[in-house]
Structures are given as C-alpha cells and as structure tokens.
Protein backbone atom coordinates (compact mmCIF):
# COMPACT_ATOMS: atom_id res chain seq x y z
CA MET A 1 21.96 33.35 -17.72
CA TYR A 2 19.14 31.51 -16.25
CA SER A 3 15.48 32.19 -16.37
CA MET A 4 13.36 31.56 -13.38
CA THR A 5 11.06 29.94 -15.50
CA GLY A 6 11.23 26.00 -15.91
CA TYR A 7 9.70 22.65 -15.32
CA GLY A 8 10.89 19.16 -15.02
CA GLN A 9 10.07 15.68 -13.96
CA GLY A 10 11.64 12.49 -12.89
CA SER A 11 11.13 9.07 -11.48
CA GLY A 12 12.96 6.54 -9.41
CA GLN A 13 12.08 2.86 -9.38
CA GLY A 14 12.26 0.88 -5.95
CA LYS A 15 11.27 -2.73 -5.09
CA ASN A 16 7.40 -2.69 -5.79
CA PHE A 17 7.20 0.98 -5.75
CA THR A 18 8.10 4.21 -7.85
CA VAL A 19 8.81 7.60 -6.83
CA LYS A 20 7.75 10.54 -8.98
CA THR A 21 8.92 14.05 -8.68
CA GLU A 22 7.74 17.19 -10.45
CA LEU A 23 9.50 20.68 -10.11
CA GLN A 24 7.52 24.12 -11.53
CA SER A 25 9.60 27.21 -11.16
CA TYR A 26 8.19 30.67 -11.50
CA ASN A 27 9.45 33.99 -10.86
CA HIS A 28 10.09 35.54 -7.53
CA ARG A 29 12.18 38.13 -5.81
CA PHE A 30 13.68 35.82 -3.69
CA LEU A 31 14.31 31.63 -3.49
CA ASP A 32 11.04 30.31 -2.22
CA ILE A 33 10.69 26.26 -2.26
CA LYS A 34 7.32 24.90 -1.64
CA VAL A 35 7.34 20.79 -0.76
CA ARG A 36 4.65 18.47 -0.93
CA LEU A 37 5.39 15.11 0.21
CA PRO A 38 3.41 12.09 1.17
CA ASN A 39 3.02 12.45 4.76
CA GLU A 40 4.94 9.32 5.81
CA TYR A 41 8.04 10.92 4.24
CA GLY A 42 7.55 14.65 5.31
CA ARG A 43 10.90 14.62 7.41
CA LEU A 44 12.81 14.56 4.12
CA GLU A 45 11.65 18.24 3.15
CA ASN A 46 14.43 19.98 4.43
CA TRP A 47 16.73 17.76 2.75
CA LEU A 48 15.02 17.94 -0.51
CA SER A 49 15.23 21.82 -0.28
CA ARG A 50 18.85 21.75 0.22
CA ILE A 51 19.63 19.76 -2.91
CA ILE A 52 17.39 22.32 -4.78
CA SER A 53 19.08 25.45 -3.36
CA GLY A 54 22.17 24.08 -4.21
CA GLN A 55 21.45 24.52 -7.91
CA VAL A 56 18.81 27.23 -8.03
CA SER A 57 19.09 30.64 -6.38
CA ARG A 58 16.10 32.64 -6.96
CA GLY A 59 12.40 31.89 -7.99
CA ARG A 60 9.60 30.17 -6.45
CA VAL A 61 9.83 26.47 -6.97
CA ASN A 62 6.99 24.06 -6.32
CA VAL A 63 8.02 20.60 -5.57
CA TYR A 64 5.48 17.47 -5.85
CA VAL A 65 6.28 14.07 -4.82
CA GLY A 66 4.28 10.88 -4.98
CA PHE A 67 4.70 7.43 -5.32
CA GLN A 68 2.83 4.42 -6.62
CA GLN A 69 3.23 0.99 -4.92
CA SER A 70 2.48 -2.42 -6.47
CA GLY A 71 1.90 -4.03 -3.39
CA ASP A 72 -0.70 -3.48 -0.49
CA ARG A 73 0.23 -0.58 1.61
CA TYR A 74 -0.64 -2.40 4.71
CA GLN A 75 -0.76 -6.18 5.61
CA VAL A 76 -2.37 -8.20 8.25
CA ARG A 77 -0.17 -10.72 9.94
CA VAL A 78 -0.78 -13.40 12.52
CA ASN A 79 1.41 -13.64 15.82
CA GLU A 80 1.86 -17.42 15.71
CA ASP A 81 3.78 -17.67 18.66
CA LEU A 82 1.16 -15.59 20.91
CA ALA A 83 -1.52 -17.55 19.14
CA ARG A 84 -0.24 -20.92 20.44
CA LYS A 85 0.37 -19.52 23.90
CA TYR A 86 -3.03 -18.34 24.03
CA TRP A 87 -4.32 -21.69 22.72
CA LYS A 88 -2.63 -23.75 25.27
CA ALA A 89 -4.04 -21.34 28.09
CA LEU A 90 -7.66 -21.55 26.76
CA ARG A 91 -6.99 -25.57 26.76
CA ARG A 92 -5.81 -25.69 30.21
CA LEU A 93 -8.75 -23.30 31.21
CA GLN A 94 -11.16 -25.95 29.49
CA GLY A 95 -9.71 -28.49 31.61
CA ALA A 96 -9.71 -26.85 34.78
CA VAL A 97 -13.44 -25.95 34.64
CA LYS A 98 -14.32 -29.25 32.94
CA ALA A 99 -16.05 -27.32 29.96
CA GLN A 100 -17.70 -29.77 27.25
CA SER A 101 -17.87 -27.36 24.68
CA GLU A 102 -15.16 -27.17 21.93
CA ILE A 103 -13.03 -24.39 21.32
CA GLY A 104 -12.23 -23.20 17.88
CA PRO A 105 -9.32 -20.97 16.60
CA GLU A 106 -11.93 -18.26 16.07
CA VAL A 107 -11.90 -17.43 19.48
CA LEU A 108 -8.25 -16.34 19.20
CA ILE A 109 -8.89 -13.58 16.56
CA GLY A 110 -10.16 -10.97 19.16
CA LEU A 111 -7.34 -11.65 21.61
CA PRO A 112 -4.81 -8.55 21.99
CA GLY A 113 -1.84 -9.13 19.59
CA VAL A 114 -3.03 -12.14 17.82
CA LEU A 115 -3.55 -10.21 14.60
CA GLU A 116 -1.18 -7.40 13.52
CA THR A 117 -1.43 -4.83 10.87
CA VAL A 118 2.05 -3.94 9.45
CA SER A 119 2.74 -1.20 7.16
CA GLY A 120 3.90 -2.18 3.45
CA LEU A 121 5.07 1.29 2.73
CA PRO A 122 8.95 1.50 1.71
CA THR A 123 10.98 2.49 4.46
CA VAL A 124 12.31 6.08 4.74
CA THR A 125 15.70 5.05 3.74
CA SER A 126 14.41 3.20 0.53
CA PHE A 127 11.96 5.94 -0.20
CA LYS A 128 14.69 8.45 -0.08
CA LYS A 129 17.11 6.65 -2.32
CA GLN A 130 14.69 6.88 -5.16
CA LEU A 131 13.49 10.40 -4.40
CA ALA A 132 17.46 11.15 -5.02
CA VAL A 133 17.13 9.57 -8.42
CA SER A 134 13.77 11.04 -9.46
CA LEU A 135 15.08 14.53 -7.93
CA GLU A 136 18.16 14.74 -10.12
CA GLU A 137 16.26 13.89 -13.23
CA ALA A 138 13.57 16.53 -12.37
CA LEU A 139 16.21 18.97 -11.38
CA GLY A 140 18.36 18.42 -14.63
CA LYS A 141 15.48 19.04 -16.89
CA MET A 142 14.16 22.07 -15.17
CA VAL A 143 17.55 23.51 -14.84
CA GLY A 144 18.01 22.97 -18.60
CA MET A 145 14.76 24.55 -19.31
CA ARG A 146 15.77 27.72 -17.49
CA ALA A 147 19.10 27.93 -19.41
CA LYS A 148 17.62 27.70 -22.53
CA GLU A 149 14.71 30.24 -21.59
CA GLY A 150 17.99 32.45 -20.49
CA ALA A 151 19.49 32.10 -23.49
CA ARG A 152 16.36 33.72 -25.32
CA LEU A 153 16.24 36.41 -22.53
CA ARG A 154 19.77 37.31 -23.13
CA ALA A 155 19.13 37.71 -26.59
CA ASP A 156 16.08 39.98 -26.05
CA LEU A 157 17.85 42.05 -23.56
CA ASN A 158 20.84 42.86 -25.71
CA ARG A 159 18.24 43.93 -28.51
CA HIS A 160 16.57 46.49 -26.41
CA LEU A 161 19.97 47.40 -25.08
CA LYS A 162 21.43 48.16 -28.23
CA THR A 163 18.28 50.19 -29.02
CA PHE A 164 18.77 52.30 -25.79
CA ILE A 165 22.41 52.70 -26.65
CA ARG A 166 21.76 54.27 -30.10
CA SER A 167 19.40 56.83 -28.50
CA PHE A 168 22.04 57.58 -25.61
CA LYS A 169 24.54 58.14 -28.60
CA LYS A 170 22.30 60.68 -30.24
CA VAL A 171 21.63 62.42 -26.84
CA LYS A 172 25.44 62.64 -26.24
CA THR A 173 26.22 63.88 -29.91
CA ARG A 174 23.29 66.22 -29.58
CA ILE A 175 24.92 67.69 -26.34
CA GLU A 176 28.70 67.94 -27.88
CA LYS A 177 27.25 69.73 -30.91
CA ARG A 178 24.98 72.10 -28.68
CA ALA A 179 28.41 72.62 -26.62
CA ARG A 180 30.56 73.47 -29.84
CA ALA A 181 27.74 75.83 -31.16
CA ASP A 182 27.30 77.72 -27.84
CA ALA A 183 31.13 78.21 -27.05
CA PRO A 184 32.38 81.68 -27.05
CA PRO A 185 34.42 82.70 -30.35
CA GLU A 186 37.82 82.39 -28.15
CA ARG A 187 36.95 78.70 -27.56
CA LYS A 188 35.89 77.81 -31.05
CA GLY A 189 37.50 74.74 -32.36
CA LYS A 190 38.90 73.99 -28.93
CA LYS A 191 37.89 70.99 -26.68
CA THR A 192 34.56 71.94 -24.86
CA SER A 193 32.75 70.30 -22.13
CA PRO A 194 30.06 68.23 -23.51
CA SER A 195 27.57 69.90 -21.11
CA ALA A 196 28.52 73.30 -22.12
CA GLY A 197 25.39 75.51 -22.96
CA PHE A 198 23.34 73.17 -20.88
CA PRO A 199 22.33 73.26 -16.97
CA PRO A 200 24.92 72.31 -14.75
CA ASN A 201 25.70 68.57 -13.99
CA VAL A 202 24.38 67.18 -17.39
CA GLU A 203 27.82 65.77 -17.98
CA GLU A 204 27.78 63.80 -14.79
CA GLU A 205 24.36 62.16 -15.85
CA LEU A 206 25.94 61.16 -19.31
CA SER A 207 28.95 59.82 -17.55
CA ARG A 208 27.27 57.73 -15.02
CA LEU A 209 24.76 56.57 -17.42
CA GLU A 210 27.31 55.32 -19.75
CA GLY A 211 29.21 53.52 -16.70
CA HIS A 212 25.67 51.80 -16.09
CA LEU A 213 25.36 50.74 -19.79
CA GLU A 214 28.93 49.38 -19.65
CA GLN A 215 28.05 47.24 -16.57
CA PHE A 216 24.80 46.09 -17.86
CA ALA A 217 26.50 44.76 -20.94
CA GLU A 218 28.93 43.00 -18.95
CA TYR A 219 26.63 41.17 -16.47
CA LEU A 220 24.58 39.95 -19.70
CA ASP A 221 27.66 37.83 -20.64
CA THR A 222 28.07 36.11 -17.08
CA SER A 223 26.93 32.65 -16.15
CA GLN A 224 26.04 33.73 -12.54
CA PRO A 225 22.78 35.05 -11.14
CA VAL A 226 22.49 38.66 -11.85
CA GLY A 227 18.62 39.13 -11.85
CA LYS A 228 18.85 41.70 -9.02
CA THR A 229 21.98 43.46 -10.20
CA LEU A 230 20.47 44.01 -13.39
CA GLU A 231 17.10 45.40 -11.70
CA PHE A 232 19.33 47.58 -9.78
CA LEU A 233 21.10 49.13 -12.51
CA LEU A 234 17.88 49.56 -14.57
CA GLN A 235 16.51 51.69 -11.83
CA GLU A 236 19.52 53.49 -11.59
CA MET A 237 19.61 54.26 -15.47
CA GLN A 238 15.93 55.16 -15.27
CA ARG A 239 16.88 57.58 -12.41
CA GLU A 240 19.80 59.38 -14.85
CA VAL A 241 17.61 59.39 -17.97
CA THR A 242 14.86 61.41 -16.07
CA THR A 243 17.11 63.72 -14.45
CA LEU A 244 18.83 64.32 -18.21
CA GLY A 245 15.59 64.95 -19.68
CA ASP A 246 14.43 67.15 -16.89
CA LYS A 247 17.83 69.24 -17.05
CA ALA A 248 18.58 69.35 -20.81
CA GLY A 249 15.61 71.51 -21.96
CA ASP A 250 16.28 70.46 -25.46
CA SER A 251 13.55 68.96 -27.95
CA VAL A 252 15.99 66.50 -29.73
CA VAL A 253 16.95 65.46 -26.21
CA SER A 254 13.69 64.93 -24.89
CA THR A 255 12.47 62.84 -27.79
CA GLN A 256 15.27 60.36 -27.48
CA VAL A 257 14.57 60.34 -23.60
CA ILE A 258 11.25 59.35 -24.31
CA LEU A 259 12.53 56.37 -26.56
CA MET A 260 15.10 55.39 -23.89
CA LYS A 261 12.54 55.27 -21.26
CA SER A 262 10.44 52.82 -23.52
CA GLU A 263 13.29 50.84 -23.91
CA LEU A 264 14.22 50.65 -19.90
CA GLU A 265 10.51 49.59 -19.47
CA SER A 266 11.31 46.58 -21.75
CA LEU A 267 14.41 45.72 -20.13
CA ARG A 268 13.01 45.96 -17.13
CA GLU A 269 10.14 43.58 -17.81
CA GLN A 270 12.75 40.93 -19.22
CA ALA A 271 15.04 41.52 -16.19
CA ARG A 272 12.18 40.12 -13.86
CA ASN A 273 12.54 36.87 -15.40
CA VAL A 274 16.15 36.68 -14.86
CA GLU A 275 17.60 34.59 -11.93
C-alpha cells in the first residue's frame, strides 16, 4: 500500500552544469502531473511525465526542474573568415576611391555577421541525460516515502477496521439473540434466521456488510493501488450500516451503528490518502 503524499529530490552532473529535480506529491482523485522546466527544454515535458506515470498511478505530482551552469550561458564569437573578407573588400574600396584615411579593425564590428552570439547552454540531449539521472533519484526517494507512509496508513486502517468489526459482531450477536427469543415455542432450540423478529431484509444487510468487510481486509494486504476501491467499499458499507440502523429498531443495534459510523468516517479519512 502506498500513500499519495511524498517528496524526493535528485541531481545529475553534466559538463559545466548540474540538473536538479524536485518532486512533491499530494492527494488527488486521479493522477495529475504538473511540470516546470526551463523554457529551453520544455519539449521534454511529455517524456518526463511518462516516466513518472510509470511508477505513480494516483495523486497530484508537482515537478520542478532547474539547472546551474558554471560557464556563461551565452558567448560572443568572431567570424574570422567573414571579417577577413570584409577587410579585403574595404582595402580594395579604399584603393579604388584613393582614400587617405586609415581603416582600423573597429569598422568591422558593426558589419553583419562579424560578431556572433552563440548559446552556451547544454544541448537538449546532454540535458536530458542528466535530467534522467536526477529524476531517477528523486522518484526513488518520493516512492520510498510514499511506501513508508502507506505502511502507516495500512496499520491505522487495520486498527479502525478491527474496531468496526467488533461493533459489527455485537450487532450480529444481538440480532441472533433476538431471533431466538422471538421464535415461536415449536421453533425453540432450532436454527432460526438471524433476522427473525426484525423487519424484512435485515439479514441481507448483515450478509452484504460482512462481504464488504472481507473484501476490505483483503485489499489492505495488496501492494497494488487500491485507494479508489477502498473508497467505493466504504461508501457501500455506509449504505448498509445506515439501512441496518433504520430497520433494526433496537437500542443495542442503534448504539453499535453509531460507533460503526464513527469508524467508517475515520476509515474514509485515511482511505483518501491511499494511492
């Protein structure tokens, strides 16, 4: 069992740059991944989301990716070949017009293409490589935290489930006792329906509720994502408990129904955190 709450961070070291990834996950009805990447590498968002969705099936996951660079992000270079061609052309022009003034190299600076601004940013390929390293580390930490929190949730859910089952058994015992007490003389000592002496269909609620309890206990022991299933079962259990309380018309049953509803609320609160 995994919780939907987790955190992890990681880093990848490239040549003259470091990529850092931070993951934060919270409760959410479905899987919702929000990614923040440097603008220059925005095209990697879908790739990154696919990797995360391969390990996380439910919850909101916020992804923050940044990088630090030791060198300049932009560099200015001189196109020497083009500058030499300009220089020769200017010299020819100077001779053609018989100019007497000297021509210095500073006149070349403003000519198109002589000075070039070149990006010093890592290429998408090299950035992606280090992003993969940092993401793997961050995912491992986040999933590990979700697993640790999930173990705590399982223990808490089991505790509330056991309390619920104790009340359920008291209700079942009470109904069976009433059935024996209300049985006609010729039926005394014979097997009697637990719902005898109670309104119709009480036995159906008991049976369905017992089945839901067995299913709930089984799902608590699985390693698969079960949050939505647990929430559905709790919804059905709430329906059966409410109907049981309405139909029974018995003070002992009513008291236990109140206790069961309290435990159901605690179970629902915790199940909302389960992946």
